[in-house]
N, C-alpha and C. Protein backbone atom coordinates (compact mmCIF):
# COMPACT_ATOMS: atom_id res chain seq x y z
N MET A 1 35.45 -114.90 -69.24
CA MET A 1 33.79 -113.83 -68.43
C MET A 1 35.15 -112.30 -68.47
N LEU A 2 35.89 -113.64 -67.75
CA LEU A 2 36.80 -112.32 -67.43
C LEU A 2 37.62 -111.68 -67.55
N ILE A 3 37.64 -112.18 -69.67
CA ILE A 3 38.42 -111.29 -70.25
C ILE A 3 37.51 -110.54 -70.80
N GLN A 4 36.17 -110.17 -70.70
CA GLN A 4 35.28 -109.29 -71.18
C GLN A 4 35.05 -108.02 -70.18
N LEU A 5 35.17 -108.68 -68.97
CA LEU A 5 35.08 -107.29 -67.57
C LEU A 5 36.35 -106.89 -67.92
N PHE A 6 37.51 -107.36 -67.96
CA PHE A 6 38.67 -106.73 -68.50
C PHE A 6 39.15 -106.19 -70.10
N LYS A 7 37.84 -106.05 -70.70
CA LYS A 7 37.52 -104.91 -71.42
C LYS A 7 36.84 -103.88 -71.64
N GLY A 8 36.34 -104.15 -70.99
CA GLY A 8 34.88 -102.67 -69.82
C GLY A 8 33.93 -103.36 -69.46
N VAL A 9 32.98 -102.36 -69.50
CA VAL A 9 31.67 -102.77 -68.99
C VAL A 9 31.09 -103.68 -69.78
N LEU A 10 30.21 -105.02 -69.09
CA LEU A 10 29.15 -105.31 -69.67
C LEU A 10 28.24 -104.93 -69.07
N TYR A 11 27.39 -104.72 -70.62
CA TYR A 11 26.17 -104.43 -70.32
C TYR A 11 24.60 -105.57 -70.69
N ARG A 12 23.93 -105.58 -69.66
CA ARG A 12 23.23 -107.12 -70.41
C ARG A 12 21.99 -106.35 -71.56
N ASP A 13 22.08 -104.66 -72.06
CA ASP A 13 20.99 -105.02 -73.09
C ASP A 13 21.62 -105.59 -74.34
N ASP A 14 23.37 -105.79 -74.72
CA ASP A 14 24.41 -105.51 -75.53
C ASP A 14 24.68 -107.14 -75.56
N GLN A 15 24.96 -107.65 -74.47
CA GLN A 15 25.46 -109.06 -74.55
C GLN A 15 24.46 -109.31 -73.55
N SER A 16 23.15 -109.83 -74.10
CA SER A 16 22.38 -111.10 -73.43
C SER A 16 23.26 -112.18 -73.03
N GLY A 17 23.96 -112.76 -74.06
CA GLY A 17 24.12 -114.46 -73.90
C GLY A 17 25.17 -113.98 -72.31
N ALA A 18 26.57 -113.04 -72.62
CA ALA A 18 27.30 -113.29 -71.69
C ALA A 18 27.35 -112.79 -70.02
N TRP A 19 25.85 -112.05 -69.89
CA TRP A 19 25.35 -111.08 -68.90
C TRP A 19 24.69 -112.59 -68.15
N GLN A 20 23.88 -113.53 -69.11
CA GLN A 20 23.44 -114.71 -68.40
C GLN A 20 24.63 -115.56 -67.75
N ASP A 21 25.69 -115.65 -68.74
CA ASP A 21 26.89 -116.47 -67.76
C ASP A 21 27.04 -115.98 -66.71
N LEU A 22 27.75 -114.33 -66.63
CA LEU A 22 27.86 -113.82 -65.43
C LEU A 22 27.41 -114.36 -64.40
N LEU A 23 26.02 -113.77 -64.70
CA LEU A 23 24.90 -114.11 -63.68
C LEU A 23 25.30 -115.44 -62.96
N ARG A 24 25.80 -116.61 -63.64
CA ARG A 24 25.67 -118.04 -63.55
C ARG A 24 27.25 -118.60 -62.86
N LEU A 25 27.91 -117.77 -63.43
CA LEU A 25 29.21 -117.42 -62.81
C LEU A 25 30.03 -116.78 -61.65
N GLN A 26 29.15 -115.60 -61.12
CA GLN A 26 29.48 -114.73 -60.76
C GLN A 26 30.67 -114.88 -58.95
N ALA A 27 30.43 -115.81 -58.75
CA ALA A 27 31.12 -116.54 -57.34
C ALA A 27 32.55 -117.10 -58.40
N GLN A 28 31.93 -117.40 -59.01
CA GLN A 28 34.03 -117.24 -59.80
C GLN A 28 34.60 -116.52 -59.94
N VAL A 29 33.38 -115.56 -61.41
CA VAL A 29 34.36 -114.63 -61.15
C VAL A 29 34.72 -113.21 -60.42
N ARG A 30 34.09 -113.33 -59.48
CA ARG A 30 34.51 -112.68 -58.13
C ARG A 30 36.08 -113.39 -57.65
N ASP A 31 35.69 -114.62 -57.29
CA ASP A 31 37.02 -115.45 -56.91
C ASP A 31 38.04 -115.12 -58.44
N HIS A 32 38.14 -115.00 -59.19
CA HIS A 32 39.12 -115.07 -60.33
C HIS A 32 40.05 -113.60 -60.41
N ALA A 33 38.59 -112.39 -59.55
CA ALA A 33 38.87 -110.96 -60.01
C ALA A 33 39.74 -110.66 -58.58
N GLY A 34 39.28 -111.02 -57.37
CA GLY A 34 39.80 -110.99 -56.63
C GLY A 34 41.74 -111.53 -56.33
N VAL A 35 42.02 -112.50 -57.36
CA VAL A 35 43.46 -112.83 -57.38
C VAL A 35 44.40 -111.50 -58.10
N PHE A 36 43.71 -110.57 -58.86
CA PHE A 36 44.23 -109.67 -59.45
C PHE A 36 43.95 -108.33 -58.33
N GLY A 37 42.86 -108.43 -57.84
CA GLY A 37 42.91 -107.38 -56.33
C GLY A 37 41.80 -106.45 -57.08
N LEU A 38 40.76 -107.46 -57.83
CA LEU A 38 39.87 -106.36 -58.35
C LEU A 38 38.72 -106.70 -57.69
N GLU A 39 37.77 -105.70 -58.05
CA GLU A 39 36.32 -106.39 -57.24
C GLU A 39 35.30 -106.37 -58.51
N LEU A 40 34.23 -108.10 -58.70
CA LEU A 40 33.46 -107.55 -59.06
C LEU A 40 31.90 -106.21 -59.01
N ILE A 41 31.77 -105.34 -59.45
CA ILE A 41 30.61 -104.03 -59.03
C ILE A 41 29.66 -105.01 -60.44
N LEU A 42 27.89 -105.57 -59.83
CA LEU A 42 27.20 -105.83 -60.98
C LEU A 42 25.94 -105.52 -60.42
N ASP A 43 25.28 -104.54 -61.06
CA ASP A 43 24.18 -104.02 -60.65
C ASP A 43 23.40 -104.67 -61.39
N GLU A 44 22.60 -105.72 -61.41
CA GLU A 44 21.23 -106.72 -61.66
C GLU A 44 19.92 -105.43 -61.86
N ALA A 45 19.91 -104.69 -61.31
CA ALA A 45 18.37 -103.96 -61.78
C ALA A 45 18.45 -103.37 -62.58
N GLU A 46 20.29 -102.72 -62.86
CA GLU A 46 20.33 -101.44 -63.89
C GLU A 46 20.96 -102.22 -65.62
N GLY A 47 21.84 -103.46 -64.77
CA GLY A 47 22.23 -104.09 -65.95
C GLY A 47 22.89 -103.55 -66.38
N TYR A 48 24.12 -103.77 -65.42
CA TYR A 48 25.74 -103.78 -66.34
C TYR A 48 26.70 -104.24 -64.78
N ALA A 49 27.53 -104.30 -65.83
CA ALA A 49 28.59 -105.65 -64.06
C ALA A 49 30.02 -104.33 -65.00
N TYR A 50 31.09 -104.36 -63.84
CA TYR A 50 32.21 -103.86 -64.55
C TYR A 50 33.13 -104.22 -63.10
N LEU A 51 34.44 -104.28 -63.40
CA LEU A 51 35.70 -104.58 -62.81
C LEU A 51 35.75 -103.80 -61.89
N ARG A 52 36.71 -103.02 -60.40
CA ARG A 52 36.66 -102.19 -59.82
C ARG A 52 38.32 -102.16 -58.93
N GLN A 53 38.44 -101.27 -59.18
CA GLN A 53 40.15 -101.62 -58.56
C GLN A 53 39.84 -101.97 -56.73
N ARG A 54 40.35 -102.93 -56.12
CA ARG A 54 39.90 -103.11 -54.59
C ARG A 54 40.33 -102.25 -53.96
N PRO A 55 40.17 -101.46 -53.18
CA PRO A 55 40.70 -101.04 -52.15
C PRO A 55 41.66 -100.98 -51.15
N THR A 56 43.16 -101.07 -51.48
CA THR A 56 44.14 -101.53 -50.21
C THR A 56 43.44 -101.62 -48.87
N GLU A 57 43.99 -102.42 -48.14
CA GLU A 57 43.56 -102.45 -46.75
C GLU A 57 44.17 -101.78 -45.55
N GLU A 58 44.56 -101.92 -44.84
CA GLU A 58 45.56 -101.49 -44.08
C GLU A 58 46.49 -102.31 -43.61
N GLY A 59 48.42 -102.34 -43.56
CA GLY A 59 48.60 -103.39 -43.98
C GLY A 59 49.16 -104.36 -44.74
N GLU A 60 48.41 -103.93 -45.72
CA GLU A 60 48.12 -104.63 -47.12
C GLU A 60 49.36 -103.69 -48.58
N GLU A 61 50.81 -105.33 -49.22
CA GLU A 61 50.98 -104.39 -49.79
C GLU A 61 49.88 -104.19 -51.26
N GLU A 62 50.40 -102.64 -51.15
CA GLU A 62 49.52 -102.17 -52.99
C GLU A 62 49.78 -102.45 -54.06
N LEU A 63 48.77 -103.49 -54.80
CA LEU A 63 49.18 -104.23 -55.94
C LEU A 63 48.94 -103.04 -57.13
N PRO A 64 49.94 -103.19 -58.76
CA PRO A 64 50.00 -101.88 -59.54
C PRO A 64 48.64 -102.13 -60.13
N ARG A 65 48.25 -101.19 -60.54
CA ARG A 65 47.00 -100.86 -61.03
C ARG A 65 46.28 -101.82 -62.41
N LEU A 66 45.75 -102.20 -62.62
CA LEU A 66 44.87 -103.18 -63.70
C LEU A 66 43.82 -102.25 -64.67
N VAL A 67 43.42 -101.36 -63.07
CA VAL A 67 42.52 -100.74 -64.28
C VAL A 67 42.94 -99.36 -64.21
N PRO A 68 42.87 -98.46 -65.77
CA PRO A 68 43.21 -97.76 -65.35
C PRO A 68 42.46 -96.38 -64.39
N ARG A 69 42.98 -95.41 -64.65
CA ARG A 69 42.10 -94.20 -63.99
C ARG A 69 42.30 -92.88 -64.76
N ARG A 70 41.45 -92.54 -65.13
CA ARG A 70 41.87 -91.50 -66.79
C ARG A 70 41.06 -89.84 -65.67
N GLN A 71 42.72 -88.82 -66.60
CA GLN A 71 42.11 -88.08 -65.91
C GLN A 71 41.21 -87.29 -67.05
N LEU A 72 40.34 -86.89 -66.50
CA LEU A 72 39.31 -86.30 -67.46
C LEU A 72 39.66 -84.51 -67.65
N SER A 73 39.02 -84.30 -68.61
CA SER A 73 39.23 -82.29 -69.20
C SER A 73 38.30 -82.00 -67.80
N TYR A 74 38.14 -80.46 -68.10
CA TYR A 74 37.66 -79.60 -67.32
C TYR A 74 36.11 -79.92 -68.05
N PRO A 75 35.58 -79.87 -69.24
CA PRO A 75 34.39 -79.90 -70.13
C PRO A 75 33.93 -81.15 -70.17
N VAL A 76 34.95 -82.08 -70.09
CA VAL A 76 34.09 -83.94 -69.88
C VAL A 76 33.45 -83.64 -68.55
N SER A 77 34.49 -83.43 -67.85
CA SER A 77 33.90 -83.59 -66.19
C SER A 77 32.72 -82.91 -65.80
N LEU A 78 32.85 -81.77 -66.58
CA LEU A 78 31.30 -80.78 -66.36
C LEU A 78 30.21 -81.51 -66.98
N LEU A 79 30.50 -82.37 -68.58
CA LEU A 79 29.19 -82.51 -68.87
C LEU A 79 29.19 -84.10 -68.42
N LEU A 80 29.63 -84.91 -67.89
CA LEU A 80 29.33 -85.79 -67.02
C LEU A 80 28.66 -85.32 -65.79
N ALA A 81 29.15 -83.94 -64.85
CA ALA A 81 28.55 -84.26 -64.02
C ALA A 81 26.93 -83.84 -64.81
N LEU A 82 26.27 -83.15 -65.16
CA LEU A 82 25.28 -81.93 -66.32
C LEU A 82 24.43 -83.25 -66.66
N LEU A 83 25.47 -84.41 -67.16
CA LEU A 83 24.59 -85.56 -67.07
C LEU A 83 24.21 -86.47 -65.44
N ARG A 84 24.42 -86.22 -65.25
CA ARG A 84 24.19 -87.04 -64.26
C ARG A 84 23.00 -86.66 -63.41
N LYS A 85 23.62 -84.87 -62.87
CA LYS A 85 22.51 -84.59 -62.50
C LYS A 85 20.36 -84.47 -63.63
N LYS A 86 20.98 -84.55 -64.83
CA LYS A 86 19.76 -85.14 -66.01
C LYS A 86 19.27 -86.38 -65.24
N LEU A 87 20.35 -86.76 -65.28
CA LEU A 87 19.57 -88.01 -65.06
C LEU A 87 18.63 -88.88 -63.13
N ALA A 88 19.24 -87.55 -62.32
CA ALA A 88 18.08 -87.89 -61.15
C ALA A 88 17.23 -87.50 -61.63
N GLU A 89 17.16 -86.16 -62.12
CA GLU A 89 15.81 -85.01 -62.14
C GLU A 89 14.94 -86.48 -63.18
N HIS A 90 15.35 -86.96 -64.34
CA HIS A 90 14.42 -87.60 -64.60
C HIS A 90 13.69 -89.20 -64.07
N ASP A 91 14.37 -89.71 -63.58
CA ASP A 91 14.64 -90.35 -62.78
C ASP A 91 13.68 -90.22 -61.70
N ALA A 92 13.22 -88.60 -60.81
CA ALA A 92 12.39 -88.02 -59.87
C ALA A 92 11.33 -88.60 -60.73
N THR A 93 11.32 -87.87 -61.53
CA THR A 93 9.45 -88.38 -62.43
C THR A 93 8.69 -89.55 -62.59
N GLY A 94 10.22 -90.47 -62.79
CA GLY A 94 9.66 -91.98 -62.24
C GLY A 94 8.16 -92.34 -64.04
N CYS A 95 9.60 -91.33 -65.08
CA CYS A 95 8.87 -92.09 -66.41
C CYS A 95 9.54 -92.84 -66.88
N ASP A 96 9.42 -93.01 -68.98
CA ASP A 96 10.46 -93.86 -69.02
C ASP A 96 12.11 -93.97 -68.39
N PRO A 97 12.34 -95.49 -68.34
CA PRO A 97 13.50 -95.56 -67.33
C PRO A 97 14.84 -94.80 -68.63
N ARG A 98 14.43 -94.74 -69.54
CA ARG A 98 15.87 -94.88 -70.40
C ARG A 98 15.90 -92.85 -70.87
N LEU A 99 16.89 -92.22 -70.26
CA LEU A 99 16.58 -90.81 -70.70
C LEU A 99 17.45 -90.64 -72.23
N ILE A 100 16.61 -90.42 -73.59
CA ILE A 100 17.05 -89.74 -74.29
C ILE A 100 17.65 -88.36 -74.46
N LEU A 101 18.27 -87.69 -74.48
CA LEU A 101 18.74 -86.84 -75.06
C LEU A 101 19.25 -86.41 -76.33
N SER A 102 18.48 -85.11 -76.80
CA SER A 102 19.60 -84.16 -78.32
C SER A 102 20.70 -84.29 -78.33
N ARG A 103 21.67 -83.84 -79.56
CA ARG A 103 22.73 -83.35 -79.15
C ARG A 103 22.66 -81.93 -79.38
N GLU A 104 21.43 -81.38 -79.22
CA GLU A 104 21.27 -79.76 -79.44
C GLU A 104 21.17 -79.73 -77.84
N GLN A 105 20.15 -81.05 -76.95
CA GLN A 105 20.00 -80.83 -76.11
C GLN A 105 21.12 -81.40 -74.31
N ILE A 106 22.01 -81.00 -74.99
CA ILE A 106 23.48 -81.57 -74.54
C ILE A 106 24.35 -80.60 -74.84
N ALA A 107 24.29 -79.66 -75.59
CA ALA A 107 24.90 -78.83 -76.26
C ALA A 107 24.54 -77.45 -75.34
N ASP A 108 23.26 -77.48 -75.55
CA ASP A 108 22.59 -75.94 -74.50
C ASP A 108 23.36 -76.73 -72.95
N MET A 109 23.12 -77.90 -72.47
CA MET A 109 23.71 -77.78 -70.62
C MET A 109 25.00 -77.43 -71.23
N LEU A 110 25.20 -77.48 -71.66
CA LEU A 110 27.32 -77.56 -71.49
C LEU A 110 27.46 -75.42 -71.54
N ARG A 111 27.18 -75.12 -72.22
CA ARG A 111 26.52 -74.15 -73.38
C ARG A 111 27.07 -73.01 -72.20
N LEU A 112 25.97 -72.82 -71.53
CA LEU A 112 26.31 -72.73 -69.79
C LEU A 112 26.92 -72.28 -69.06
N PHE A 113 28.52 -72.91 -69.63
CA PHE A 113 29.51 -73.25 -68.75
C PHE A 113 30.38 -72.80 -69.29
N LEU A 114 30.69 -72.71 -70.41
CA LEU A 114 31.86 -72.58 -71.18
C LEU A 114 31.80 -71.02 -71.87
N PRO A 115 32.59 -70.38 -72.19
CA PRO A 115 33.27 -69.45 -72.40
C PRO A 115 32.94 -68.87 -73.38
N GLU A 116 32.32 -67.75 -73.88
CA GLU A 116 31.19 -67.20 -74.97
C GLU A 116 32.12 -67.47 -75.63
N THR A 117 31.96 -67.85 -77.56
CA THR A 117 32.52 -67.20 -77.96
C THR A 117 31.74 -67.07 -79.33
N GLY A 118 32.63 -65.91 -80.60
CA GLY A 118 31.78 -65.46 -81.57
C GLY A 118 31.45 -66.99 -82.54
N ASP A 119 32.60 -67.71 -82.68
CA ASP A 119 32.50 -68.86 -83.28
C ASP A 119 31.71 -69.87 -83.39
N GLU A 120 30.25 -69.89 -83.62
CA GLU A 120 29.45 -71.08 -83.56
C GLU A 120 30.26 -72.29 -83.68
N VAL A 121 30.73 -72.23 -84.48
CA VAL A 121 31.24 -73.75 -86.01
C VAL A 121 32.09 -74.00 -84.97
N ARG A 122 33.11 -73.61 -84.55
CA ARG A 122 34.23 -74.28 -83.47
C ARG A 122 33.61 -74.01 -82.13
N LEU A 123 32.91 -73.93 -81.78
CA LEU A 123 32.26 -74.29 -80.75
C LEU A 123 31.11 -75.29 -80.45
N MET A 124 30.39 -75.72 -81.21
CA MET A 124 29.66 -76.70 -81.63
C MET A 124 30.82 -78.10 -81.96
N SER A 125 31.75 -77.16 -82.59
CA SER A 125 33.17 -78.89 -82.65
C SER A 125 33.64 -79.22 -81.68
N ARG A 126 33.86 -77.95 -81.06
CA ARG A 126 34.13 -79.18 -79.43
C ARG A 126 33.89 -79.02 -78.67
N MET A 127 32.59 -78.93 -78.92
CA MET A 127 31.21 -79.70 -78.03
C MET A 127 31.04 -81.28 -78.52
N ASP A 128 31.23 -81.67 -79.37
CA ASP A 128 31.24 -82.60 -80.26
C ASP A 128 32.21 -83.65 -79.99
N SER A 129 33.60 -82.89 -79.97
CA SER A 129 34.26 -83.70 -79.50
C SER A 129 34.42 -83.91 -78.19
N HIS A 130 33.96 -83.52 -76.69
CA HIS A 130 33.63 -83.65 -75.28
C HIS A 130 32.03 -84.66 -75.45
N ILE A 131 30.94 -84.63 -76.58
CA ILE A 131 30.45 -85.38 -76.35
C ILE A 131 30.99 -86.71 -76.97
N LYS A 132 31.65 -87.11 -77.78
CA LYS A 132 33.17 -87.90 -78.30
C LYS A 132 33.01 -89.03 -77.35
N ARG A 133 33.67 -88.03 -76.21
CA ARG A 133 34.53 -88.91 -75.62
C ARG A 133 33.38 -89.56 -74.28
N VAL A 134 32.75 -88.55 -74.06
CA VAL A 134 32.09 -89.22 -72.86
C VAL A 134 31.09 -90.82 -73.61
N VAL A 135 31.26 -90.12 -75.26
CA VAL A 135 30.50 -91.85 -76.02
C VAL A 135 31.61 -93.13 -75.55
N GLU A 136 32.65 -92.42 -75.72
CA GLU A 136 33.83 -93.35 -76.06
C GLU A 136 33.50 -93.83 -74.33
N LEU A 137 33.70 -93.02 -73.21
CA LEU A 137 33.83 -93.51 -71.79
C LEU A 137 32.78 -94.39 -71.31
N GLY A 138 32.04 -94.04 -71.72
CA GLY A 138 30.31 -96.08 -72.44
C GLY A 138 29.33 -95.05 -71.43
N PHE A 139 29.59 -93.44 -71.75
CA PHE A 139 28.67 -92.94 -70.36
C PHE A 139 27.41 -92.17 -70.96
N LEU A 140 27.78 -92.13 -72.53
CA LEU A 140 26.21 -92.15 -73.16
C LEU A 140 26.51 -93.09 -74.89
N ARG A 141 25.50 -93.29 -74.97
CA ARG A 141 24.96 -94.34 -76.15
C ARG A 141 24.30 -93.59 -77.48
N ARG A 142 25.49 -93.74 -78.61
CA ARG A 142 24.51 -93.56 -79.27
C ARG A 142 23.84 -94.18 -80.18
N LEU A 143 22.20 -93.61 -80.45
CA LEU A 143 20.99 -94.47 -80.50
C LEU A 143 21.07 -95.09 -82.19
N ARG A 144 20.70 -95.80 -82.24
CA ARG A 144 20.75 -96.86 -83.68
C ARG A 144 20.19 -95.55 -85.05
N GLY A 145 20.80 -95.35 -86.24
CA GLY A 145 19.73 -94.70 -87.16
C GLY A 145 19.32 -93.37 -86.98
N GLN A 146 19.54 -92.85 -85.25
CA GLN A 146 19.52 -91.51 -85.19
C GLN A 146 21.19 -90.92 -84.13
N GLU A 147 22.06 -90.97 -85.22
CA GLU A 147 22.67 -89.89 -84.60
C GLU A 147 22.99 -88.76 -83.90
N GLU A 148 22.17 -87.45 -84.00
CA GLU A 148 21.84 -86.22 -83.30
C GLU A 148 21.43 -86.48 -81.53
N ARG A 149 20.87 -88.42 -81.30
CA ARG A 149 20.89 -88.71 -80.58
C ARG A 149 21.19 -89.83 -79.67
N PHE A 150 21.31 -89.44 -78.64
CA PHE A 150 21.90 -90.57 -77.31
C PHE A 150 21.42 -91.16 -76.28
N GLU A 151 21.34 -92.15 -75.58
CA GLU A 151 20.89 -92.29 -74.23
C GLU A 151 21.97 -92.17 -73.14
N VAL A 152 21.71 -91.71 -72.58
CA VAL A 152 21.99 -91.63 -71.28
C VAL A 152 22.89 -92.93 -70.29
N ARG A 153 23.40 -93.41 -70.26
CA ARG A 153 23.74 -95.28 -69.80
C ARG A 153 23.80 -94.97 -68.01
N ARG A 154 22.64 -95.41 -67.60
CA ARG A 154 22.81 -95.90 -66.02
C ARG A 154 24.30 -96.23 -65.06
N ILE A 155 25.16 -96.74 -65.97
CA ILE A 155 26.32 -96.82 -65.13
C ILE A 155 26.42 -95.18 -64.70
N LEU A 156 26.24 -94.33 -65.34
CA LEU A 156 26.84 -93.00 -64.92
C LEU A 156 27.06 -92.75 -63.46
N ALA A 157 25.44 -93.78 -62.58
CA ALA A 157 25.38 -93.29 -61.34
C ALA A 157 27.15 -93.97 -60.49
N ALA A 158 27.21 -95.13 -60.56
CA ALA A 158 27.94 -95.39 -60.89
C ALA A 158 29.64 -94.86 -60.18
N PHE A 159 29.46 -94.22 -60.93
CA PHE A 159 31.00 -93.60 -61.19
C PHE A 159 30.69 -92.25 -61.09
N VAL A 160 29.91 -91.50 -61.00
CA VAL A 160 29.45 -90.24 -61.02
C VAL A 160 28.24 -90.14 -59.20
N ASP A 161 29.00 -90.54 -58.02
CA ASP A 161 27.93 -90.19 -57.45
C ASP A 161 27.46 -88.84 -56.53
N ALA A 162 27.49 -89.21 -54.64
CA ALA A 162 26.96 -87.91 -54.67
C ALA A 162 28.50 -87.65 -54.14
N GLN A 163 29.02 -87.97 -53.71
CA GLN A 163 30.62 -87.32 -52.99
C GLN A 163 30.84 -86.65 -54.31
N TRP A 164 31.38 -86.96 -55.29
CA TRP A 164 31.95 -86.45 -56.58
C TRP A 164 30.91 -85.39 -57.07
N LEU A 165 29.79 -85.70 -57.32
CA LEU A 165 28.94 -84.15 -57.15
C LEU A 165 29.21 -83.00 -56.70
N ALA A 166 29.63 -83.23 -55.28
CA ALA A 166 29.51 -82.47 -54.57
C ALA A 166 30.51 -81.93 -54.51
N GLU A 167 31.72 -82.28 -54.90
CA GLU A 167 33.35 -81.84 -54.85
C GLU A 167 33.33 -81.42 -55.97
N PHE A 168 32.66 -81.52 -57.11
CA PHE A 168 32.62 -80.54 -58.66
C PHE A 168 32.15 -79.38 -58.70
N ASP A 169 30.59 -79.28 -57.05
CA ASP A 169 30.25 -78.30 -57.25
C ASP A 169 30.91 -77.10 -56.08
N GLN A 170 31.59 -77.65 -55.37
CA GLN A 170 32.21 -76.47 -55.16
C GLN A 170 33.75 -76.28 -55.65
N HIS A 171 34.06 -77.15 -56.45
CA HIS A 171 35.09 -76.62 -57.91
C HIS A 171 34.30 -75.59 -58.88
N LEU A 172 33.28 -76.03 -59.05
CA LEU A 172 32.56 -74.83 -60.05
C LEU A 172 31.96 -73.36 -59.30
N ALA A 173 31.80 -73.56 -57.89
CA ALA A 173 31.26 -72.36 -56.91
C ALA A 173 32.17 -71.66 -57.14
N ASP A 174 33.84 -71.82 -56.94
CA ASP A 174 34.91 -71.13 -56.87
C ASP A 174 35.67 -71.08 -57.76
N TYR A 175 35.20 -71.84 -59.28
CA TYR A 175 35.21 -71.40 -60.22
C TYR A 175 34.66 -69.66 -61.04
N ARG A 176 33.11 -70.11 -60.37
CA ARG A 176 32.29 -68.52 -60.95
C ARG A 176 32.79 -67.74 -59.90
N GLN A 177 33.36 -67.60 -58.34
CA GLN A 177 33.45 -66.61 -57.81
C GLN A 177 35.05 -66.11 -58.33
N HIS A 178 35.74 -66.68 -58.60
CA HIS A 178 37.09 -66.45 -59.58
C HIS A 178 37.28 -65.61 -60.74
N LEU A 179 35.63 -66.05 -61.68
CA LEU A 179 35.00 -65.67 -62.49
C LEU A 179 34.52 -63.87 -61.87
N ASP A 180 34.24 -63.87 -61.11
CA ASP A 180 32.96 -62.84 -60.16
C ASP A 180 34.23 -62.01 -60.10
N ASN A 181 35.71 -62.04 -59.40
CA ASN A 181 36.23 -61.86 -59.26
C ASN A 181 37.19 -60.52 -60.90
N ASP A 182 37.45 -61.41 -61.25
CA ASP A 182 38.01 -60.63 -62.59
C ASP A 182 36.83 -59.79 -63.21
N ASP A 183 35.77 -60.42 -63.16
CA ASP A 183 34.68 -58.96 -63.47
C ASP A 183 34.71 -57.94 -62.84
N ASP A 184 34.89 -57.48 -61.30
CA ASP A 184 34.82 -57.02 -60.85
C ASP A 184 36.57 -55.85 -61.51
N GLY A 185 37.42 -56.45 -61.59
CA GLY A 185 38.69 -55.57 -61.38
C GLY A 185 38.65 -55.71 -62.70
């Protein structure tokens, strides 16, 4: 079980047998993960679990990182923020628990924040690479048989929290101010 969690996020929908094993062995998994300086994050309601580096306590020696941090490009960070906001809006409507978006909807959300270009094909190619990266990170999942449609994974809310969004909004405001100053000059 621990090995599966070391490999990445465990989803109830994708690995129901492993999910049941995790629920049954939860205490042992937490104990074993703690030896490595990791903590189990388990959200039964949303159906996902993953390991996270445990914060170092004061006076405690910092352990080497087992769970890598990933530096994200501006467009990928932007896309994560936009998807998170879309997920919050979707949840507020209280309809279908799954948020499904088309490639075109995702591209339209992102297009507003990227520099304009005369080459639409090149722009869409870059957007596809950003979408692909978010799929690789596990925050989007392509729907089977519908390559142009994606499900926004609920785990996004655990990684992109309110503080992260507030900081990103501030960066966007600074960026817009910088652009406005350049346009004026």
